[in-house]
Protein backbone atom coordinates (compact mmCIF):
# COMPACT_ATOMS: atom_id res chain seq x y z
CA MET A 1 -82.94 31.19 -8.17
CA LYS A 2 -80.27 32.62 -5.92
CA LYS A 3 -76.72 33.88 -6.08
CA ALA A 4 -74.04 31.62 -4.70
CA ALA A 5 -70.34 32.07 -4.15
CA LEU A 6 -68.15 31.02 -7.10
CA VAL A 7 -71.24 30.26 -9.19
CA ALA A 8 -72.66 32.75 -11.64
CA LEU A 9 -76.25 31.65 -11.26
CA THR A 10 -77.45 28.63 -9.30
CA CYS A 11 -80.97 27.24 -9.52
CA VAL A 12 -82.63 24.72 -7.24
CA ALA A 13 -85.97 23.10 -7.99
CA VAL A 14 -87.84 19.83 -7.97
CA ALA A 15 -86.93 17.70 -10.97
CA GLY A 16 -89.49 17.45 -13.71
CA ILE A 17 -89.65 21.16 -14.62
CA SER A 18 -89.08 20.78 -18.32
CA GLN A 19 -90.25 21.67 -21.79
CA THR A 20 -92.27 19.18 -23.79
CA ALA A 21 -90.46 17.70 -26.77
CA SER A 22 -91.60 15.02 -29.20
CA ALA A 23 -91.19 12.36 -26.51
CA TYR A 24 -88.46 12.56 -23.86
CA THR A 25 -88.06 15.94 -22.16
CA ARG A 26 -85.12 17.74 -20.57
CA ILE A 27 -84.83 19.38 -17.15
CA LYS A 28 -84.47 23.11 -17.76
CA CYS A 29 -83.82 26.23 -15.75
CA SER A 30 -86.44 28.95 -15.77
CA ASN A 31 -84.35 30.77 -18.40
CA GLY A 32 -84.78 27.80 -20.75
CA THR A 33 -81.27 26.36 -20.35
CA ALA A 34 -81.27 22.56 -20.42
CA LEU A 35 -79.09 20.97 -17.74
CA LYS A 36 -76.69 18.04 -17.93
CA TRP A 37 -73.63 16.79 -16.07
CA GLY A 38 -70.22 18.08 -17.08
CA SER A 39 -68.94 14.52 -17.46
CA ASN A 40 -70.44 11.23 -18.57
CA SER A 41 -70.42 9.66 -15.11
CA ILE A 42 -71.38 10.59 -11.56
CA THR A 43 -71.38 8.83 -8.19
CA MET A 44 -74.56 8.31 -6.18
CA ARG A 45 -74.11 7.90 -2.44
CA LEU A 46 -76.66 5.64 -0.70
CA ALA A 47 -77.63 6.42 2.89
CA SER A 48 -76.58 3.69 5.32
CA ASN A 49 -79.83 3.66 7.31
CA SER A 50 -82.00 3.70 4.17
CA PHE A 51 -80.06 1.13 2.17
CA PRO A 52 -78.35 -1.30 4.54
CA ALA A 53 -77.08 -4.59 3.16
CA GLY A 54 -80.11 -6.54 1.99
CA ALA A 55 -83.17 -6.20 -0.22
CA TRP A 56 -83.45 -2.39 -0.33
CA ARG A 57 -79.80 -1.87 -1.22
CA THR A 58 -80.05 -4.60 -3.85
CA ALA A 59 -83.13 -2.97 -5.38
CA MET A 60 -81.43 0.43 -5.52
CA THR A 61 -78.16 -0.88 -6.95
CA ASP A 62 -80.11 -3.02 -9.45
CA SER A 63 -81.73 0.20 -10.66
CA LEU A 64 -78.39 1.95 -11.00
CA GLN A 65 -77.01 -1.01 -12.94
CA ALA A 66 -80.09 -1.08 -15.16
CA TRP A 67 -79.38 2.53 -16.09
CA ASN A 68 -75.79 1.51 -16.87
CA ARG A 69 -77.12 -0.64 -19.72
CA ASN A 70 -78.60 2.43 -21.43
CA PRO A 71 -77.31 3.21 -24.96
CA SER A 72 -75.78 6.60 -24.12
CA LYS A 73 -72.31 7.35 -22.78
CA PHE A 74 -73.71 8.19 -19.34
CA ARG A 75 -72.97 5.81 -16.46
CA PHE A 76 -73.53 5.70 -12.68
CA SER A 77 -71.17 4.55 -9.99
CA TYR A 78 -72.28 4.30 -6.38
CA VAL A 79 -71.05 4.28 -2.80
CA THR A 80 -72.93 2.58 0.04
CA GLY A 81 -72.89 3.35 3.75
CA ASP A 82 -73.21 7.16 3.59
CA THR A 83 -73.85 8.22 7.20
CA SER A 84 -74.43 11.93 6.61
CA VAL A 85 -76.86 12.84 3.84
CA GLY A 86 -78.48 16.18 3.15
CA LYS A 87 -79.67 18.47 0.41
CA ASN A 88 -77.24 20.95 -1.15
CA ASN A 89 -74.14 19.47 0.49
CA GLY A 90 -72.17 18.99 -2.73
CA GLN A 91 -72.88 15.24 -2.96
CA ASN A 92 -75.36 13.21 -5.00
CA GLU A 93 -77.28 11.13 -2.49
CA ALA A 94 -80.33 8.91 -2.08
CA TRP A 95 -82.30 8.23 1.10
CA PHE A 96 -85.73 7.55 2.60
CA THR A 97 -87.44 10.37 4.47
CA ALA A 98 -90.37 10.66 6.87
CA SER A 99 -90.91 14.30 5.89
CA ASP A 100 -93.79 15.06 3.56
CA ILE A 101 -92.24 15.69 0.14
CA GLY A 102 -95.58 15.80 -1.66
CA ALA A 103 -94.95 12.70 -3.78
CA PRO A 104 -93.84 9.07 -3.40
CA ALA A 105 -90.35 10.24 -4.41
CA VAL A 106 -88.70 13.50 -5.45
CA THR A 107 -85.40 14.45 -7.06
CA TYR A 108 -83.94 17.82 -6.08
CA TRP A 109 -81.38 19.36 -8.39
CA TRP A 110 -78.91 22.18 -8.24
CA GLY A 111 -77.26 23.55 -11.33
CA ASN A 112 -75.51 26.45 -12.99
CA CYS A 113 -78.00 27.97 -15.39
CA SER A 114 -75.31 29.92 -17.21
CA THR A 115 -73.23 26.87 -18.09
CA GLY A 116 -76.10 24.38 -18.24
CA ARG A 117 -74.40 22.03 -15.79
CA PHE A 118 -75.78 20.18 -12.78
CA THR A 119 -73.87 20.53 -9.54
CA GLU A 120 -75.91 18.16 -7.33
CA ASN A 121 -78.89 15.81 -7.46
CA ASP A 122 -80.53 14.19 -4.44
CA VAL A 123 -83.21 11.49 -4.58
CA LEU A 124 -85.66 11.22 -1.67
CA PHE A 125 -88.18 8.40 -1.21
CA MET A 126 -91.16 8.70 1.17
CA ASN A 127 -90.92 5.94 3.76
CA THR A 128 -94.71 5.79 4.19
CA VAL A 129 -95.31 4.60 0.62
CA ASN A 130 -96.34 0.96 0.27
CA TYR A 131 -93.19 0.05 -1.67
CA THR A 132 -91.95 -3.45 -2.27
CA THR A 133 -88.62 -4.78 -3.50
CA SER A 134 -90.36 -7.95 -4.70
CA ASN A 135 -90.47 -8.72 -8.41
CA ASN A 136 -93.50 -10.96 -7.98
CA VAL A 137 -96.30 -10.09 -10.42
CA ALA A 138 -99.15 -10.82 -7.99
CA SER A 139 -97.88 -8.36 -5.37
CA LEU A 140 -97.69 -5.28 -7.61
CA ILE A 141 -100.18 -2.49 -8.30
CA SER A 142 -98.88 -2.75 -11.87
CA TYR A 143 -101.30 -5.69 -12.07
CA ASN A 144 -103.86 -6.14 -9.28
CA GLY A 145 -101.70 -6.27 -6.14
CA SER A 146 -101.19 -3.87 -3.24
CA PHE A 147 -97.56 -2.76 -3.53
CA ARG A 148 -95.79 -0.11 -5.59
CA PRO A 149 -92.63 -1.53 -7.21
CA PHE A 150 -89.68 0.32 -5.69
CA ARG A 151 -87.43 -0.35 -8.66
CA THR A 152 -89.65 1.48 -11.17
CA THR A 153 -89.76 4.54 -8.89
CA ALA A 154 -85.99 4.42 -8.47
CA LEU A 155 -85.49 4.19 -12.24
CA HIS A 156 -87.80 7.19 -12.77
CA GLU A 157 -85.95 9.33 -10.22
CA LEU A 158 -82.55 8.28 -11.59
CA GLY A 159 -83.84 9.42 -14.99
CA HIS A 160 -84.21 12.88 -13.45
CA VAL A 161 -80.63 12.62 -12.18
CA VAL A 162 -79.53 11.90 -15.76
CA GLY A 163 -81.31 15.10 -16.83
CA LEU A 164 -84.68 13.87 -18.07
CA GLY A 165 -88.00 15.50 -17.24
CA HIS A 166 -91.44 13.95 -17.26
CA THR A 167 -92.89 12.44 -20.42
CA SER A 168 -96.58 12.57 -21.28
CA ASN A 169 -96.89 11.46 -24.90
CA THR A 170 -95.26 8.04 -25.13
CA TYR A 171 -94.84 4.88 -23.09
CA SER A 172 -91.98 5.81 -20.78
CA ILE A 173 -90.44 5.23 -17.35
CA MET A 174 -90.47 9.04 -17.13
CA GLY A 175 -94.26 8.92 -17.21
CA GLN A 176 -96.33 6.74 -14.88
CA ASP A 177 -93.53 4.51 -13.68
CA TRP A 178 -95.21 1.61 -11.86
CA ASP A 179 -96.58 0.05 -15.04
CA HIS A 180 -93.57 0.66 -17.22
CA ILE A 181 -92.60 -2.94 -16.62
CA GLN A 182 -91.87 -6.19 -18.44
CA ALA A 183 -92.84 -9.72 -17.49
CA ASN A 184 -92.41 -13.30 -18.60
CA GLY A 185 -93.63 -15.79 -16.05
CA SER A 186 -94.61 -14.63 -12.57
CA THR A 187 -91.72 -12.20 -12.08
CA VAL A 188 -91.16 -8.78 -13.61
CA ARG A 189 -88.17 -6.95 -15.02
CA THR A 190 -87.76 -3.19 -14.58
CA TYR A 191 -85.69 -1.09 -16.97
CA PRO A 192 -85.23 2.51 -18.26
CA GLY A 193 -86.74 1.73 -21.67
CA GLU A 194 -86.61 3.11 -25.15
CA ASP A 195 -87.80 6.67 -24.54
CA ALA A 196 -85.45 7.32 -21.61
CA GLY A 197 -82.54 5.71 -23.45
CA ARG A 198 -83.21 7.90 -26.47
CA GLY A 199 -83.23 10.97 -24.24
CA ALA A 200 -79.95 9.97 -22.58
CA LYS A 201 -78.36 9.54 -26.02
CA ALA A 202 -79.56 13.01 -27.03
CA ILE A 203 -77.94 14.52 -23.92
CA TYR A 204 -74.66 12.61 -23.67
CA GLY A 205 -74.17 11.03 -27.08
CA ASN A 206 -74.27 7.48 -28.36
CA ASN A 207 -72.28 4.90 -26.41
CA THR A 208 -70.45 3.84 -29.62
CA GLY A 209 -69.98 0.42 -28.11
CA ASN A 210 -72.25 -2.57 -28.39
CA ILE A 211 -75.32 -1.68 -26.32
CA GLN A 212 -77.99 -3.42 -28.38
CA ASP A 213 -81.31 -4.59 -26.97
CA VAL A 214 -84.77 -5.28 -28.36
CA GLY A 215 -87.67 -6.31 -26.23
CA SER A 216 -91.41 -6.73 -25.80
CA THR A 217 -93.89 -5.46 -23.23
CA HIS A 218 -97.53 -6.05 -22.33
CA PHE A 219 -98.18 -2.42 -21.32
CA ARG A 220 -99.02 0.58 -23.52
CA ARG A 221 -99.61 4.32 -23.26
CA THR A 222 -103.28 5.27 -22.83
CA GLY A 223 -103.07 9.04 -22.35
CA SER A 224 -101.60 11.55 -19.93
CA SER A 225 -102.30 12.97 -16.51
CA GLY A 226 -100.50 15.84 -14.78
CA GLY A 227 -97.61 15.74 -17.25
CA TYR A 228 -97.14 11.95 -16.95
CA SER A 229 -97.97 9.37 -19.59
CA THR A 230 -100.56 6.89 -18.32
CA HIS A 231 -100.27 3.19 -19.09
CA ALA A 232 -102.49 0.11 -19.19
CA PRO A 233 -102.25 -3.49 -20.44
CA VAL A 234 -102.14 -4.32 -24.15
CA ARG A 235 -105.28 -5.74 -25.74
CA ILE A 236 -106.75 -8.45 -27.94
CA PHE A 237 -109.34 -7.47 -30.59
CA ASN A 238 -111.75 -9.34 -32.80
CA THR A 239 -111.30 -8.94 -36.56
CA SER A 240 -113.79 -6.04 -36.55
CA GLY A 241 -111.54 -4.05 -34.22
CA SER A 242 -113.53 -4.42 -30.99
CA VAL A 243 -111.74 -5.26 -27.75
CA LEU A 244 -112.69 -8.69 -26.44
CA GLY A 245 -114.22 -9.30 -23.02
CA SER A 246 -111.66 -9.38 -20.22
CA PHE A 247 -110.82 -11.20 -16.98
CA ARG A 248 -107.82 -11.43 -14.65
CA ASP A 249 -105.71 -14.52 -14.14
CA SER A 250 -104.61 -15.87 -10.76
CA ASN A 251 -101.77 -13.29 -10.61
CA GLY A 252 -104.06 -10.36 -11.43
CA VAL A 253 -102.82 -9.99 -15.03
CA LEU A 254 -105.50 -8.69 -17.41
CA GLY A 255 -106.54 -11.25 -20.01
CA TYR A 256 -109.20 -11.73 -22.69
CA ARG A 257 -111.90 -14.27 -23.51
CA VAL A 258 -111.53 -16.01 -26.87
CA ASN A 259 -113.18 -18.84 -28.81
CA ARG A 260 -111.54 -21.96 -30.12
CA GLY A 261 -110.60 -21.44 -33.76
CA GLN A 262 -111.18 -17.68 -33.57
CA ALA A 263 -109.01 -15.25 -35.55
CA VAL A 264 -107.97 -12.35 -33.32
CA ASP A 265 -105.71 -9.32 -33.58
CA VAL A 266 -103.20 -9.23 -30.72
CA GLU A 267 -101.31 -6.14 -29.59
CA PHE A 268 -97.88 -6.22 -27.94
CA GLY A 269 -95.35 -3.42 -27.49
CA PHE A 270 -91.96 -3.72 -29.20
CA GLU A 271 -88.95 -1.65 -28.15
CA ASN A 272 -85.45 -1.02 -29.41
CA ASN A 273 -83.55 -0.05 -26.26
CA GLY A 274 -80.17 -0.08 -27.98
CA GLU A 275 -77.89 2.20 -29.95
CA HIS A 276 -78.83 1.36 -33.53
CA THR A 277 -81.72 0.42 -35.79
CA GLN A 278 -82.13 -3.34 -36.08
CA SER A 279 -83.29 -5.07 -39.27
CA GLY A 280 -84.29 -8.61 -40.14
CA ILE A 281 -85.90 -9.33 -36.76
CA ASP A 282 -88.42 -12.17 -36.45
CA ALA A 283 -91.13 -12.49 -33.80
CA SER A 284 -93.08 -15.66 -33.10
CA TYR A 285 -96.44 -16.00 -31.34
CA TYR A 286 -97.19 -18.94 -29.06
CA ILE A 287 -99.93 -20.57 -27.04
CA SER A 288 -98.73 -21.78 -23.65
CA THR A 289 -100.37 -23.64 -20.78
CA ASN A 290 -98.47 -21.37 -18.35
CA ASN A 291 -97.30 -17.76 -18.24
CA TYR A 292 -93.68 -18.49 -19.13
CA ILE A 293 -93.29 -18.22 -22.89
CA SER A 294 -90.63 -20.37 -24.55
CA THR A 295 -89.94 -22.07 -27.87
CA SER A 296 -91.25 -25.33 -26.40
CA ASP A 297 -94.77 -23.85 -26.47
CA THR A 298 -97.12 -24.17 -29.47
CA ARG A 299 -96.13 -21.73 -32.20
CA ILE A 300 -99.15 -20.28 -34.02
CA ALA A 301 -97.60 -17.51 -36.15
CA THR A 302 -94.30 -15.86 -37.08
CA TYR A 303 -93.81 -12.38 -38.47
CA VAL A 304 -90.45 -11.99 -40.19
CA ASN A 305 -87.94 -9.41 -41.29
CA TRP A 306 -88.97 -6.49 -39.10
CA THR A 307 -87.00 -3.26 -38.89
CA LEU A 308 -87.07 -1.63 -35.46
CA ALA A 309 -85.59 1.82 -34.87
CA PRO A 310 -84.71 3.19 -31.39
CA ASP A 311 -87.18 6.05 -31.54
CA THR A 312 -90.61 5.04 -30.26
CA VAL A 313 -92.34 1.96 -28.87
CA THR A 314 -94.49 0.33 -31.56
CA TYR A 315 -97.73 -1.63 -31.05
CA PRO A 316 -98.56 -3.51 -34.25
CA ARG A 317 -101.71 -5.62 -34.23
CA ARG A 318 -100.92 -9.08 -35.57
CA ARG A 319 -103.60 -11.54 -36.63
CA VAL A 320 -103.36 -15.02 -35.16
CA THR A 321 -105.78 -17.93 -34.94
CA ILE A 322 -106.57 -19.56 -31.61
CA PRO A 323 -106.07 -23.34 -31.90
CA SER A 324 -109.26 -25.39 -32.07
CA ASN A 325 -108.07 -28.09 -29.69
CA LEU A 326 -107.85 -25.98 -26.52
CA THR A 327 -110.00 -26.87 -23.51
CA ARG A 328 -113.09 -24.75 -22.92
CA GLY A 329 -113.07 -22.91 -19.59
CA SER A 330 -109.28 -23.15 -19.25
CA VAL A 331 -106.77 -20.31 -19.06
CA TYR A 332 -103.88 -20.30 -21.53
CA TYR A 333 -101.32 -17.66 -22.43
CA LEU A 334 -100.91 -16.01 -25.80
CA GLY A 335 -97.27 -14.96 -25.91
CA VAL A 336 -94.72 -13.35 -28.17
CA PHE A 337 -91.00 -14.05 -28.51
CA MET A 338 -89.17 -11.08 -30.05
CA ASP A 339 -85.90 -11.80 -31.90
CA VAL A 340 -86.74 -15.48 -31.63
CA ASN A 341 -83.82 -16.44 -33.89
CA SER A 342 -81.26 -14.30 -31.98
CA GLU A 343 -80.40 -12.03 -34.89
CA VAL A 344 -79.38 -9.30 -32.40
CA SER A 345 -76.50 -9.72 -29.96
CA GLU A 346 -78.12 -8.14 -26.89
CA VAL A 347 -77.04 -6.89 -23.47
CA ASP A 348 -80.29 -8.31 -22.11
CA GLU A 349 -81.89 -11.43 -23.57
CA VAL A 350 -84.55 -11.93 -20.89
CA ASN A 351 -86.92 -9.16 -22.01
CA ASN A 352 -87.80 -10.57 -25.43
CA ARG A 353 -90.83 -12.57 -24.28
CA THR A 354 -94.14 -11.57 -22.74
CA TYR A 355 -97.78 -12.68 -22.70
CA ILE A 356 -101.51 -12.01 -22.39
CA PRO A 357 -103.75 -14.50 -20.53
CA ILE A 358 -106.65 -15.94 -22.56
CA ARG A 359 -109.69 -17.84 -21.30
CA ILE A 360 -111.33 -20.23 -23.75
CA ASN A 361 -115.11 -19.75 -24.08
């Protein structure tokens, strides 16, 4: 902490210094004051040499726009082509750096600890990290590839800009970010998610518009490490509760070995990323010959009339029976389609479906 002209008390630190709450956390000064912006919108300035026109700028602006679909009142605007970036210059900026910042990315914040207001946030990405802007499943460390998805890191750091700290006790983008991800088919979707959206609502209030969104994921929380939640793929169990034997499909997605005609308990994650509790939701389970789940696949079960609140990701185990006519030795996909009957008018309809590979014994 240091004194600064015209500011009663100004603090500067690396984002993520926060107090643990039930799930989301807040960035706080050392005196315990939680920080937020004085308005419900700020402008991020993107460095011209880090984010020229092309894939990297698109990935960064996609991440800003993804945050703009959150259920709180908070929104980002952005400016491209910033030719003079620097810490503590009165502007909120993002850039790549060759300097060792001790992490793949870091958010630095400045704020007034007497008023509880941010005055500046800067996001720095290490340019030596093996990032990719690709959304291809096979390329990502989220599965079995070599590249860290840039968009998940950007979403995590922008969560710090919003005012969120690290999360350790629920599935969250503010935990281990690279496998907070959603997929249907061979491409992934990145998004802030339920926990971060809930935190943004707590800080800035409910949007009071029509930001409704339910979705499914094939990742789950497994524990915590260094203040971050850790994540891994969802599972398939036998009826005694034991996890089945596993394999990876051609894209590196973790799957499970099943028998024809076998009853299994399948686990998917279900999120309410919107403003309000949703009731009367149906979810159907399918067997597909490919990893893109649709209603043209073979439906094997439907669970009806769910109520899903925007408070925590749920992982119910649902019993389904593997069809007896599948080909031994072949890979299929056991998928789920959340809100299959479109009961919810959503800002994002593409995140309702996901899958687990299965190999038939």
